[in-house]
Amino acid sequence: MKTTLSAQLGQQLHLTPALLQSIRLLQLNGMQLEMEVRQALESNPLLELHEEAEQETPASANAEAQTDTAAFDELPESSMWDVHGASWNGVDDDRMARVAAGESSDPHLRILNALALELDEADLAAAAFWLENCDDAGYLQAPLAQLTQLASARLDRTGADLEAIRQRLLHGEPAGIAAVDLRECLQAQLRALPGHVPARHLAQRLLGADLQLLAAHDYAGLAKQLDAELEDICEAFRLVLSLRPRPGDALLPEIDAAVIPDVVAWHADGQWRVALNPATTPRLGINAGYERVVSESSGEASQPLREMLQEARWLTRGLSMRYDTLIRTARVIIERQAAFLVNGDEAMAPLTLKEVADTIGMHESTVSRITSGKYLQTPRGTFELKHFFAVRLEGASVSGQAVKAMVKRLIDAEPAGRPLADDAIAGLLSRQGVNIARRTVAKYREQLDIAPARERRRQVAKPQLARVG
């Protein structure tokens, strides 16, 4: 056996402790950040809490906002946390999926964390693509063929490889993620159940039958079509009703009854203003006297204090980076979604993480972390920052969220005895310059939990018949 030497050129991303801490601070929500700061103050005597001067609020709108990017003069260089050259073929390079730094508030990131132990980077990139193209309920936002073609071009993978990764998500935890439609989602959940669950196989056949009979609760018609006993059909139907029609909801964190906003936005003097909420942005500093003594000391006895000083500097700079990124991101969101704040959902403009990231000069993963679990208080209400991101409707200049609001408005205004069919709604929208297919209207209607036209007509007719009788 002959021993040989070979040279290999490669690229690796090394995350320093300071960078790891900065990245972790970005994704903490307000409550988690408060606990982090409290623990740091208890364990590090060099740190002290700074009482900030009162920031501008709607009650003092005539003064300039106290929070500005110029206030963060100790920020590390942006290249320290935004590494554009280490991406997965153009897909968001979220290396934190491999860093055990606590559970993220980003549901998609938690799925990738779980898959990171089983898949390589190329497969994780494909999984990230499918997740990025899922809506909040967990369904694909565009036709499967269209997304497969886009992913093949972007990731240089075959359609079969991409479908295998989608199936891995579909039958993973929670089952049903990245499904094409409700039928595929529920079938995946049934297959994930143990084999001894009663009525499991009949429930699978039930989902393969005519969904119109299923929606109408026509047990007799289903029993005849599937050649099964009526009691067995009812049991299978109960099993289907126990499944999750919105698998993405299983990934959402429990929402506290009270939400404390991280950022406040208001309109004054003809313009929108944004400021950080002092209640969720604690300011830490290093005691000047202690810092001077530790810096001037030498010897092994002072080594623990020097380490505390270094940790204190990392934490204060990481907090400054968090606050700076948060306020800059919020300002861009307010600028792009000013029409929504004035006119409501129908004015929601298309906006992506990449557009915000390009505007503030950071990476998409940074924007994704800083918008997860952070809330913005506006005159229209308090929303998570993620709420303001809306996918552009294909072939149109409006967002899917805006079109969904238009669909709801048309249905709310329809004549009680003559509900609008999906194709009629599509025709009305086309007159307003929004050209969408009937199936897209049906998808948005289902997301709004609104029954089809024939069911709405039936719901109106039932009380009328009752009065006549």
Protein backbone atom coordinates (compact mmCIF):
# COMPACT_ATOMS: atom_id res chain seq x y z
CA MET A 1 0.00 0.00 0.00
CA LYS A 2 1.51 3.30 -1.11
CA THR A 3 1.11 6.47 0.94
CA THR A 4 0.60 9.66 -1.05
CA LEU A 5 0.08 13.33 -0.28
CA SER A 6 -2.51 15.46 -2.01
CA ALA A 7 -3.55 19.10 -1.76
CA GLN A 8 -7.17 20.16 -1.78
CA LEU A 9 -8.58 23.68 -2.11
CA GLY A 10 -11.84 24.39 -0.32
CA GLN A 11 -13.88 27.08 1.38
CA GLN A 12 -15.05 26.96 4.99
CA LEU A 13 -17.02 29.36 7.09
CA HIS A 14 -15.64 29.80 10.61
CA LEU A 15 -17.99 31.37 13.11
CA THR A 16 -16.21 33.17 15.96
CA PRO A 17 -17.76 33.20 19.44
CA ALA A 18 -18.59 36.90 19.03
CA LEU A 19 -20.29 36.27 15.69
CA LEU A 20 -22.23 33.30 17.06
CA GLN A 21 -23.50 35.43 19.92
CA SER A 22 -24.48 38.29 17.58
CA ILE A 23 -26.41 35.90 15.33
CA ARG A 24 -28.15 34.31 18.32
CA LEU A 25 -29.15 37.72 19.72
CA LEU A 26 -30.77 38.58 16.39
CA GLN A 27 -33.30 35.77 16.58
CA LEU A 28 -34.32 36.14 20.25
CA ASN A 29 -37.77 37.56 20.87
CA GLY A 30 -38.38 40.27 23.45
CA MET A 31 -38.93 37.92 26.38
CA GLN A 32 -35.93 35.78 25.54
CA LEU A 33 -33.76 38.89 25.21
CA GLU A 34 -34.89 40.13 28.62
CA MET A 35 -33.87 36.81 30.19
CA GLU A 36 -30.53 36.91 28.35
CA VAL A 37 -29.76 40.41 29.63
CA ARG A 38 -30.84 39.54 33.16
CA GLN A 39 -28.57 36.50 33.27
CA ALA A 40 -25.66 38.52 31.87
CA LEU A 41 -26.07 41.21 34.55
CA GLU A 42 -26.14 38.57 37.29
CA SER A 43 -23.07 36.68 36.04
CA ASN A 44 -20.85 39.52 34.83
CA PRO A 45 -20.08 42.32 37.37
CA LEU A 46 -18.52 44.48 34.64
CA LEU A 47 -21.88 45.02 32.97
CA GLU A 48 -24.38 47.66 33.99
CA LEU A 49 -27.81 48.65 32.74
CA HIS A 50 -28.00 52.09 31.17
CA GLU A 51 -31.15 54.10 31.61
CA GLU A 52 -31.97 55.52 28.17
CA ALA A 53 -33.35 58.97 27.59
CA GLU A 54 -37.03 58.85 26.64
CA GLN A 55 -37.33 58.12 22.94
CA GLU A 56 -39.73 59.81 20.58
CA THR A 57 -43.24 58.42 20.69
CA PRO A 58 -46.49 59.47 19.07
CA ALA A 59 -47.08 61.73 22.08
CA SER A 60 -43.87 63.65 21.30
CA ALA A 61 -43.99 63.43 17.54
CA ASN A 62 -42.58 66.91 16.99
CA ALA A 63 -39.13 65.82 18.22
CA GLU A 64 -36.68 63.81 16.17
CA ALA A 65 -36.49 60.08 16.81
CA GLN A 66 -33.82 59.26 19.36
CA THR A 67 -32.97 55.98 17.70
CA ASP A 68 -30.72 56.32 14.69
CA THR A 69 -28.09 54.23 13.01
CA ALA A 70 -25.52 56.86 13.93
CA ALA A 71 -26.01 55.92 17.59
CA PHE A 72 -24.42 52.52 17.01
CA ASP A 73 -20.80 53.50 16.60
CA GLU A 74 -19.40 50.23 17.95
CA LEU A 75 -20.99 47.91 15.41
CA PRO A 76 -18.66 45.29 13.93
CA GLU A 77 -18.11 45.36 10.20
CA SER A 78 -21.06 43.96 8.26
CA SER A 79 -18.78 41.41 6.63
CA MET A 80 -18.46 39.70 10.01
CA TRP A 81 -22.03 38.45 9.98
CA ASP A 82 -23.06 38.63 6.33
CA VAL A 83 -21.09 36.08 4.33
CA HIS A 84 -22.45 36.29 0.78
CA GLY A 85 -19.86 33.99 -0.72
CA ALA A 86 -20.80 30.95 1.30
CA SER A 87 -24.29 30.26 -0.01
CA TRP A 88 -25.97 27.11 -1.21
CA ASN A 89 -26.02 27.90 -4.92
CA GLY A 90 -27.85 31.16 -4.33
CA VAL A 91 -30.14 29.79 -1.61
CA ASP A 92 -30.12 31.42 1.84
CA ASP A 93 -27.01 30.04 3.59
CA ASP A 94 -28.33 29.67 7.09
CA ARG A 95 -25.41 28.04 8.85
CA MET A 96 -27.18 28.49 12.13
CA ALA A 97 -29.10 25.34 11.19
CA ARG A 98 -25.97 23.50 12.30
CA VAL A 99 -25.29 25.60 15.39
CA ALA A 100 -26.82 24.37 18.63
CA ALA A 101 -27.72 27.78 20.03
CA GLY A 102 -31.22 27.10 21.27
CA GLU A 103 -34.45 26.65 19.37
CA SER A 104 -35.16 29.31 16.79
CA SER A 105 -38.44 31.17 16.59
CA ASP A 106 -38.39 30.67 12.80
CA PRO A 107 -40.52 27.54 12.11
CA HIS A 108 -38.76 26.79 8.82
CA LEU A 109 -35.38 27.03 10.51
CA ARG A 110 -36.51 24.51 13.14
CA ILE A 111 -37.38 22.04 10.37
CA LEU A 112 -33.97 22.56 8.75
CA ASN A 113 -32.30 22.10 12.14
CA ALA A 114 -33.96 18.69 12.46
CA LEU A 115 -33.01 17.71 8.89
CA ALA A 116 -29.40 18.90 9.22
CA LEU A 117 -28.42 15.64 10.91
CA GLU A 118 -29.77 13.56 8.01
CA LEU A 119 -29.24 15.60 4.83
CA ASP A 120 -26.17 17.10 3.23
CA GLU A 121 -25.93 20.78 2.29
CA ALA A 122 -27.25 20.27 -1.25
CA ASP A 123 -30.35 18.48 0.01
CA LEU A 124 -30.82 21.08 2.76
CA ALA A 125 -30.76 23.77 0.09
CA ALA A 126 -33.56 21.95 -1.75
CA ALA A 127 -35.53 21.60 1.49
CA ALA A 128 -35.03 25.32 2.17
CA PHE A 129 -36.37 26.11 -1.30
CA TRP A 130 -39.58 24.13 -0.74
CA LEU A 131 -40.10 25.73 2.69
CA GLU A 132 -39.54 29.23 1.32
CA ASN A 133 -42.32 28.61 -1.19
CA CYS A 134 -44.87 27.41 1.38
CA ASP A 135 -47.54 29.67 2.83
CA ASP A 136 -48.30 29.97 6.54
CA ALA A 137 -50.61 26.95 6.38
CA GLY A 138 -47.81 24.77 4.96
CA TYR A 139 -49.02 24.47 1.34
CA LEU A 140 -47.03 25.26 -1.81
CA GLN A 141 -47.81 28.78 -3.02
CA ALA A 142 -47.37 27.99 -6.73
CA PRO A 143 -48.03 25.00 -9.01
CA LEU A 144 -45.70 22.06 -8.38
CA ALA A 145 -44.39 21.93 -11.96
CA GLN A 146 -43.55 25.62 -11.93
CA LEU A 147 -41.67 25.38 -8.62
CA THR A 148 -39.83 22.26 -9.73
CA GLN A 149 -38.64 23.98 -12.88
CA LEU A 150 -37.51 27.03 -10.90
CA ALA A 151 -35.66 24.90 -8.33
CA SER A 152 -33.98 22.82 -11.03
CA ALA A 153 -32.60 25.94 -12.67
CA ARG A 154 -31.53 27.51 -9.39
CA LEU A 155 -30.05 24.48 -7.64
CA ASP A 156 -28.94 22.42 -10.66
CA ARG A 157 -30.87 19.36 -9.44
CA THR A 158 -33.10 16.96 -11.31
CA GLY A 159 -36.85 17.01 -10.83
CA ALA A 160 -36.72 13.55 -9.26
CA ASP A 161 -34.17 14.70 -6.66
CA LEU A 162 -36.26 17.73 -5.78
CA GLU A 163 -39.45 15.69 -5.52
CA ALA A 164 -37.69 13.23 -3.19
CA ILE A 165 -36.79 16.11 -0.85
CA ARG A 166 -40.37 17.42 -1.01
CA GLN A 167 -41.67 13.98 -0.12
CA ARG A 168 -39.23 13.97 2.82
CA LEU A 169 -40.83 17.19 4.08
CA LEU A 170 -44.35 15.96 3.26
CA HIS A 171 -43.94 12.83 5.38
CA GLY A 172 -41.70 14.39 8.03
CA GLU A 173 -42.65 16.15 11.22
CA PRO A 174 -45.18 17.68 11.06
CA ALA A 175 -46.64 15.59 8.26
CA GLY A 176 -48.27 17.46 5.41
CA ILE A 177 -45.74 20.29 4.97
CA ALA A 178 -45.10 21.29 1.31
CA ALA A 179 -48.30 19.60 0.12
CA VAL A 180 -49.84 20.57 -3.21
CA ASP A 181 -53.40 20.58 -1.90
CA LEU A 182 -55.59 19.52 0.99
CA ARG A 183 -56.00 15.97 -0.28
CA GLU A 184 -52.24 15.31 -0.44
CA CYS A 185 -51.74 16.97 2.95
CA LEU A 186 -54.32 14.81 4.73
CA GLN A 187 -53.17 11.64 2.97
CA ALA A 188 -49.63 12.25 4.20
CA GLN A 189 -50.91 12.66 7.75
CA LEU A 190 -52.86 9.42 7.51
CA ARG A 191 -49.78 7.54 6.32
CA ALA A 192 -47.88 8.93 9.32
CA LEU A 193 -50.36 7.35 11.74
CA PRO A 194 -49.61 3.93 13.26
CA GLY A 195 -50.93 1.00 11.25
CA HIS A 196 -53.21 -0.18 14.05
CA VAL A 197 -55.28 3.03 14.08
CA PRO A 198 -58.90 2.02 13.35
CA ALA A 199 -60.39 3.14 10.03
CA ARG A 200 -57.00 4.36 8.79
CA HIS A 201 -57.13 2.52 5.47
CA LEU A 202 -60.77 3.40 4.87
CA ALA A 203 -59.96 7.05 5.62
CA GLN A 204 -57.29 6.93 2.91
CA ARG A 205 -59.88 5.60 0.46
CA LEU A 206 -62.28 8.27 1.66
CA LEU A 207 -59.80 11.00 0.69
CA GLY A 208 -59.37 9.37 -2.69
CA ALA A 209 -63.11 9.52 -3.32
CA ASP A 210 -65.20 12.45 -4.51
CA LEU A 211 -64.36 15.36 -2.22
CA GLN A 212 -67.72 16.95 -3.05
CA LEU A 213 -69.46 14.09 -1.27
CA LEU A 214 -67.01 14.48 1.60
CA ALA A 215 -67.64 18.23 1.89
CA ALA A 216 -71.41 17.67 1.78
CA HIS A 217 -71.18 14.99 4.53
CA ASP A 218 -72.98 12.59 2.18
CA TYR A 219 -72.21 9.46 4.18
CA ALA A 220 -74.68 7.31 2.27
CA GLY A 221 -73.22 8.34 -1.08
CA LEU A 222 -69.68 7.66 0.14
CA ALA A 223 -70.69 4.27 1.54
CA LYS A 224 -72.19 3.34 -1.83
CA GLN A 225 -69.19 4.62 -3.78
CA LEU A 226 -66.64 2.83 -1.58
CA ASP A 227 -68.79 -0.27 -0.98
CA ALA A 228 -68.46 0.09 2.78
CA GLU A 229 -70.74 0.02 5.80
CA LEU A 230 -72.26 3.34 6.85
CA GLU A 231 -70.87 3.03 10.41
CA ASP A 232 -67.35 2.44 9.05
CA ILE A 233 -67.68 5.50 6.80
CA CYS A 234 -68.69 7.65 9.79
CA GLU A 235 -65.72 6.37 11.81
CA ALA A 236 -63.31 7.07 8.93
CA PHE A 237 -64.86 10.50 8.52
CA ARG A 238 -64.22 11.29 12.20
CA LEU A 239 -60.60 10.28 11.72
CA VAL A 240 -60.26 12.63 8.76
CA LEU A 241 -61.76 15.47 10.81
CA SER A 242 -59.11 14.88 13.50
CA LEU A 243 -56.29 15.69 11.05
CA ARG A 244 -54.69 19.10 10.60
CA PRO A 245 -55.87 20.93 7.46
CA ARG A 246 -53.18 23.56 8.23
CA PRO A 247 -50.01 21.61 9.16
CA GLY A 248 -47.99 24.82 9.30
CA ASP A 249 -49.88 25.86 12.43
CA ALA A 250 -48.15 23.07 14.33
CA LEU A 251 -44.85 24.91 13.89
CA LEU A 252 -46.06 28.23 15.25
CA PRO A 253 -44.95 29.13 18.79
CA GLU A 254 -47.60 29.62 21.41
CA ILE A 255 -48.71 33.24 21.30
CA ASP A 256 -48.87 35.03 24.62
CA ALA A 257 -52.09 36.84 25.48
CA ALA A 258 -50.21 40.15 25.58
CA VAL A 259 -47.73 41.13 22.89
CA ILE A 260 -45.18 43.83 23.65
CA PRO A 261 -44.08 45.51 20.40
CA ASP A 262 -40.37 45.79 19.66
CA VAL A 263 -40.84 48.73 17.29
CA VAL A 264 -43.42 51.52 17.19
CA ALA A 265 -44.48 53.32 13.99
CA TRP A 266 -46.76 56.36 13.71
CA HIS A 267 -47.62 59.10 11.25
CA ALA A 268 -46.69 62.69 12.09
CA ASP A 269 -45.87 65.85 10.12
CA GLY A 270 -46.81 64.15 6.87
CA GLN A 271 -44.40 61.25 7.22
CA TRP A 272 -44.05 57.88 8.90
CA ARG A 273 -41.75 57.65 11.90
CA VAL A 274 -40.23 54.59 13.52
CA ALA A 275 -38.62 54.10 16.93
CA LEU A 276 -37.53 51.16 19.05
CA ASN A 277 -39.61 50.39 22.12
CA PRO A 278 -37.39 51.09 25.19
CA ALA A 279 -39.22 48.35 27.10
CA THR A 280 -37.84 45.67 24.77
CA THR A 281 -34.45 47.21 23.95
CA PRO A 282 -32.38 47.19 27.17
CA ARG A 283 -29.06 49.03 26.85
CA LEU A 284 -26.04 47.46 28.50
CA GLY A 285 -22.74 49.17 29.10
CA ILE A 286 -19.40 48.34 30.69
CA ASN A 287 -18.50 50.03 33.96
CA ALA A 288 -15.73 52.45 33.01
CA GLY A 289 -13.85 52.10 36.30
CA TYR A 290 -13.84 48.31 36.23
CA GLU A 291 -12.88 48.29 32.55
CA ARG A 292 -9.88 50.51 33.20
CA VAL A 293 -8.67 48.42 36.13
CA VAL A 294 -9.04 45.13 34.24
CA SER A 295 -7.33 46.53 31.12
CA GLU A 296 -4.35 47.69 33.15
CA SER A 297 -4.01 44.50 35.20
CA SER A 298 -1.76 41.63 34.26
CA GLY A 299 -0.96 38.14 35.46
CA GLU A 300 -2.86 34.91 35.71
CA ALA A 301 -4.99 36.14 38.60
CA SER A 302 -6.66 38.73 36.39
CA GLN A 303 -7.33 36.32 33.50
CA PRO A 304 -10.95 35.52 34.57
CA LEU A 305 -11.74 39.23 34.72
CA ARG A 306 -10.22 39.82 31.28
CA GLU A 307 -12.43 37.05 29.91
CA MET A 308 -15.47 38.70 31.51
CA LEU A 309 -14.47 41.99 29.91
CA GLN A 310 -14.22 40.34 26.50
CA GLU A 311 -17.62 38.70 26.94
CA ALA A 312 -19.12 42.03 28.02
CA ARG A 313 -17.79 43.71 24.88
CA TRP A 314 -19.18 40.94 22.69
CA LEU A 315 -22.60 41.25 24.31
CA THR A 316 -22.83 45.06 24.10
CA ARG A 317 -21.76 45.04 20.46
CA GLY A 318 -24.15 42.19 19.67
CA LEU A 319 -27.01 44.15 21.21
CA SER A 320 -26.05 47.23 19.20
CA MET A 321 -26.06 45.14 16.04
CA ARG A 322 -29.50 43.75 16.92
CA TYR A 323 -31.02 47.18 17.54
CA ASP A 324 -29.45 48.71 14.46
CA THR A 325 -30.62 45.87 12.21
CA LEU A 326 -34.10 45.94 13.75
CA ILE A 327 -34.67 49.68 13.27
CA ARG A 328 -33.25 49.70 9.73
CA THR A 329 -35.40 46.73 8.75
CA ALA A 330 -38.52 48.28 10.28
CA ARG A 331 -37.92 51.54 8.41
CA VAL A 332 -37.70 49.76 5.07
CA ILE A 333 -40.87 47.78 5.82
CA ILE A 334 -42.77 50.93 6.79
CA GLU A 335 -41.61 52.70 3.61
CA ARG A 336 -42.70 49.81 1.38
CA GLN A 337 -45.97 49.08 3.18
CA ALA A 338 -47.14 52.65 3.90
CA ALA A 339 -50.17 52.10 1.65
CA PHE A 340 -51.19 49.05 3.70
CA LEU A 341 -51.04 51.08 6.92
CA VAL A 342 -53.38 53.66 5.38
CA ASN A 343 -55.74 51.55 3.23
CA GLY A 344 -55.64 48.01 4.65
CA ASP A 345 -54.96 44.53 3.29
CA GLU A 346 -55.87 45.29 -0.32
CA ALA A 347 -52.95 47.73 -0.47
CA MET A 348 -50.36 45.21 0.79
CA ALA A 349 -47.42 45.53 -1.62
CA PRO A 350 -45.26 42.59 -2.72
CA LEU A 351 -42.17 42.45 -0.50
CA THR A 352 -39.50 39.78 -0.04
CA LEU A 353 -36.68 39.21 2.42
CA LYS A 354 -34.19 39.73 -0.40
CA GLU A 355 -35.56 43.18 -1.24
CA VAL A 356 -35.20 44.32 2.36
CA ALA A 357 -31.78 42.68 2.67
CA ASP A 358 -30.52 44.43 -0.47
CA THR A 359 -31.82 47.77 0.78
CA ILE A 360 -30.07 47.61 4.16
CA GLY A 361 -26.98 45.87 2.77
CA MET A 362 -27.30 42.61 4.69
CA HIS A 363 -27.94 38.94 3.99
CA GLU A 364 -31.41 37.43 3.71
CA SER A 365 -30.75 35.15 6.69
CA THR A 366 -30.06 38.22 8.86
CA VAL A 367 -33.36 39.80 7.85
CA SER A 368 -35.16 36.50 8.41
CA ARG A 369 -33.85 36.26 11.98
CA ILE A 370 -34.54 39.86 12.92
CA THR A 371 -38.15 39.69 11.65
CA SER A 372 -39.05 36.41 13.39
CA GLY A 373 -40.85 36.90 16.68
CA LYS A 374 -40.51 40.71 16.57
CA TYR A 375 -43.64 42.89 16.56
CA LEU A 376 -44.39 46.31 15.10
CA GLN A 377 -47.08 48.54 16.62
CA THR A 378 -48.88 50.70 14.06
CA PRO A 379 -52.09 52.76 14.01
CA ARG A 380 -53.71 49.81 12.19
CA GLY A 381 -52.69 47.29 14.84
CA THR A 382 -49.72 45.30 16.11
CA PHE A 383 -48.23 42.83 13.63
CA GLU A 384 -45.27 40.49 13.53
CA LEU A 385 -42.69 41.87 11.11
CA LYS A 386 -43.10 38.70 9.02
CA HIS A 387 -46.68 39.80 8.32
CA PHE A 388 -45.47 42.58 6.03
CA PHE A 389 -43.75 40.20 3.60
CA ALA A 390 -46.06 39.26 0.73
CA VAL A 391 -45.37 37.19 -2.36
CA ARG A 392 -45.88 38.90 -5.70
CA LEU A 393 -48.72 37.34 -7.66
CA GLU A 394 -47.38 35.81 -10.87
CA GLY A 395 -47.98 38.08 -13.85
CA ALA A 396 -49.32 40.93 -11.70
CA SER A 397 -48.01 43.89 -9.76
CA VAL A 398 -49.97 43.11 -6.60
CA SER A 399 -49.33 40.71 -3.76
CA GLY A 400 -51.22 37.50 -3.11
CA GLN A 401 -52.31 38.86 0.26
CA ALA A 402 -53.88 41.89 -1.41
CA VAL A 403 -55.77 39.69 -3.86
CA LYS A 404 -56.98 37.51 -1.01
CA ALA A 405 -58.41 40.62 0.64
CA MET A 406 -60.10 41.56 -2.67
CA VAL A 407 -61.68 38.10 -2.86
CA LYS A 408 -63.03 38.48 0.67
CA ARG A 409 -64.43 41.94 -0.11
CA LEU A 410 -66.27 40.66 -3.20
CA ILE A 411 -67.75 37.71 -1.33
CA ASP A 412 -68.82 39.90 1.61
CA ALA A 413 -70.63 42.23 -0.81
CA GLU A 414 -72.31 39.52 -2.92
CA PRO A 415 -76.13 39.26 -3.03
CA ALA A 416 -77.34 36.85 -0.36
CA GLY A 417 -79.38 34.74 -2.79
CA ARG A 418 -76.86 34.85 -5.63
CA PRO A 419 -73.38 34.05 -4.30
CA LEU A 420 -70.47 34.58 -6.68
CA ALA A 421 -68.82 31.53 -8.20
CA ASP A 422 -65.01 31.38 -8.33
CA ASP A 423 -64.89 32.08 -12.06
CA ALA A 424 -67.20 35.08 -11.59
CA ILE A 425 -64.87 36.47 -8.91
CA ALA A 426 -61.92 35.96 -11.25
CA GLY A 427 -63.80 37.90 -13.94
CA LEU A 428 -64.55 40.79 -11.58
CA LEU A 429 -60.92 40.96 -10.52
CA SER A 430 -59.76 40.99 -14.15
CA ARG A 431 -61.83 44.15 -14.66
CA GLN A 432 -59.73 45.71 -11.89
CA GLY A 433 -56.53 44.74 -13.68
CA VAL A 434 -55.85 41.61 -11.59
CA ASN A 435 -55.76 38.57 -13.86
CA ILE A 436 -55.82 35.33 -11.89
CA ALA A 437 -57.11 31.84 -12.61
CA ARG A 438 -60.26 30.39 -11.11
CA ARG A 439 -58.23 27.85 -9.13
CA THR A 440 -56.28 30.71 -7.52
CA VAL A 441 -59.56 32.27 -6.38
CA ALA A 442 -60.59 28.88 -5.00
CA LYS A 443 -57.29 28.58 -3.12
CA TYR A 444 -57.67 32.00 -1.49
CA ARG A 445 -61.32 31.29 -0.67
CA GLU A 446 -60.34 28.07 1.07
CA GLN A 447 -57.61 29.88 3.00
CA LEU A 448 -60.25 32.35 4.15
CA ASP A 449 -62.41 29.38 5.27
CA ILE A 450 -65.25 30.41 2.95
CA ALA A 451 -67.49 27.74 1.44
CA PRO A 452 -68.03 27.40 -2.34
CA ALA A 453 -70.89 29.31 -3.98
CA ARG A 454 -73.29 26.35 -3.99
CA GLU A 455 -72.73 25.81 -0.25
CA ARG A 456 -73.25 29.51 0.49
CA ARG A 457 -76.47 29.42 -1.56
CA ARG A 458 -77.61 26.37 0.38
CA GLN A 459 -76.85 28.05 3.72
CA VAL A 460 -79.04 31.00 2.70
CA ALA A 461 -81.85 28.80 1.41
CA LYS A 462 -82.16 26.65 4.57
CA PRO A 463 -83.50 29.34 6.92
CA GLN A 464 -85.89 30.56 4.18
CA LEU A 465 -87.40 27.08 3.86
CA ALA A 466 -87.72 26.85 7.59
CA ARG A 467 -89.74 30.05 7.75
CA VAL A 468 -92.08 28.90 4.94
CA GLY A 469 -92.74 25.59 6.63
